[in-house]
C-alpha atoms as a PDB file:
ATOM      1  CA  MET A   1       4.318 -16.893 -16.637  1.00  0.00           C
ATOM      2  CA  THR A   2       3.567 -13.998 -14.290  1.00  0.00           C
ATOM      3  CA  THR A   3       1.824 -14.837 -11.019  1.00  0.00           C
ATOM      4  CA  PRO A   4      -0.703 -12.168  -9.880  1.00  0.00           C
ATOM      5  CA  THR A   5       0.272 -10.488  -6.668  1.00  0.00           C
ATOM      6  CA  HIS A   6      -2.525 -10.014  -4.083  1.00  0.00           C
ATOM      7  CA  LYS A   7      -2.362  -7.839  -1.056  1.00  0.00           C
ATOM      8  CA  VAL A   8      -4.122  -8.437   2.288  1.00  0.00           C
ATOM      9  CA  TYR A   9      -5.558  -5.302   3.892  1.00  0.00           C
ATOM     10  CA  ILE A  10      -7.297  -4.181   6.999  1.00  0.00           C
ATOM     11  CA  LEU A  11      -9.724  -1.238   7.093  1.00  0.00           C
ATOM     12  CA  HIS A  12     -10.844   0.513  10.183  1.00  0.00           C
ATOM     13  CA  SER A  13     -14.030   2.588  10.139  1.00  0.00           C
ATOM     14  CA  GLN A  14     -13.870   5.626  12.426  1.00  0.00           C
ATOM     15  CA  LYS A  15     -17.617   5.872  12.072  1.00  0.00           C
ATOM     16  CA  THR A  16     -18.510   2.322  13.312  1.00  0.00           C
ATOM     17  CA  HIS A  17     -15.179   1.507  15.059  1.00  0.00           C
ATOM     18  CA  ARG A  18     -15.133  -1.850  13.251  1.00  0.00           C
ATOM     19  CA  PHE A  19     -12.360  -3.560  11.350  1.00  0.00           C
ATOM     20  CA  TYR A  20     -12.765  -5.182   7.920  1.00  0.00           C
ATOM     21  CA  THR A  21     -10.130  -7.448   6.253  1.00  0.00           C
ATOM     22  CA  GLY A  22      -9.827  -8.491   2.640  1.00  0.00           C
ATOM     23  CA  CYS A  23      -7.443  -9.220  -0.210  1.00  0.00           C
ATOM     24  CA  THR A  24      -7.115  -7.660  -3.646  1.00  0.00           C
ATOM     25  CA  ASP A  25      -4.752  -7.306  -6.547  1.00  0.00           C
ATOM     26  CA  ASN A  26      -5.493  -3.581  -6.740  1.00  0.00           C
ATOM     27  CA  PRO A  27      -5.646  -1.895  -3.360  1.00  0.00           C
ATOM     28  CA  ASP A  28      -6.330   1.590  -4.659  1.00  0.00           C
ATOM     29  CA  ARG A  29      -9.326   0.483  -6.671  1.00  0.00           C
ATOM     30  CA  ARG A  30     -10.687  -1.645  -3.774  1.00  0.00           C
ATOM     31  CA  LEU A  31     -10.412   1.243  -1.355  1.00  0.00           C
ATOM     32  CA  GLU A  32     -12.438   3.419  -3.834  1.00  0.00           C
ATOM     33  CA  PHE A  33     -15.152   0.684  -3.826  1.00  0.00           C
ATOM     34  CA  HIS A  34     -15.228   0.616  -0.049  1.00  0.00           C
ATOM     35  CA  ASN A  35     -15.356   4.405   0.296  1.00  0.00           C
ATOM     36  CA  SER A  36     -18.046   4.794  -2.364  1.00  0.00           C
ATOM     37  CA  GLY A  37     -20.547   2.533  -0.524  1.00  0.00           C
ATOM     38  CA  THR A  38     -20.729  -0.150  -3.225  1.00  0.00           C
ATOM     39  CA  THR A  39     -19.409  -2.806  -0.936  1.00  0.00           C
ATOM     40  CA  PRO A  40     -22.385  -4.098   1.126  1.00  0.00           C
ATOM     41  CA  SER A  41     -20.238  -5.308   4.035  1.00  0.00           C
ATOM     42  CA  THR A  42     -18.596  -1.923   4.593  1.00  0.00           C
ATOM     43  CA  LYS A  43     -21.385   0.406   3.349  1.00  0.00           C
ATOM     44  CA  SER A  44     -22.407   1.438   6.871  1.00  0.00           C
ATOM     45  CA  GLY A  45     -18.853   2.603   7.646  1.00  0.00           C
ATOM     46  CA  ILE A  46     -18.146   4.869   4.672  1.00  0.00           C
ATOM     47  CA  PRO A  47     -16.529   8.176   5.509  1.00  0.00           C
END
């Protein structure tokens, strides 16, 4: 049985100067969600 690998990440918004932490099994996809504004908690800090 394969155990899923999750990554912990920290984002920093240059716009709001705030940090956001999270975890995911697909960092590239998660970053796309954050940068597209579909994540409510980081929507105000999108590039």
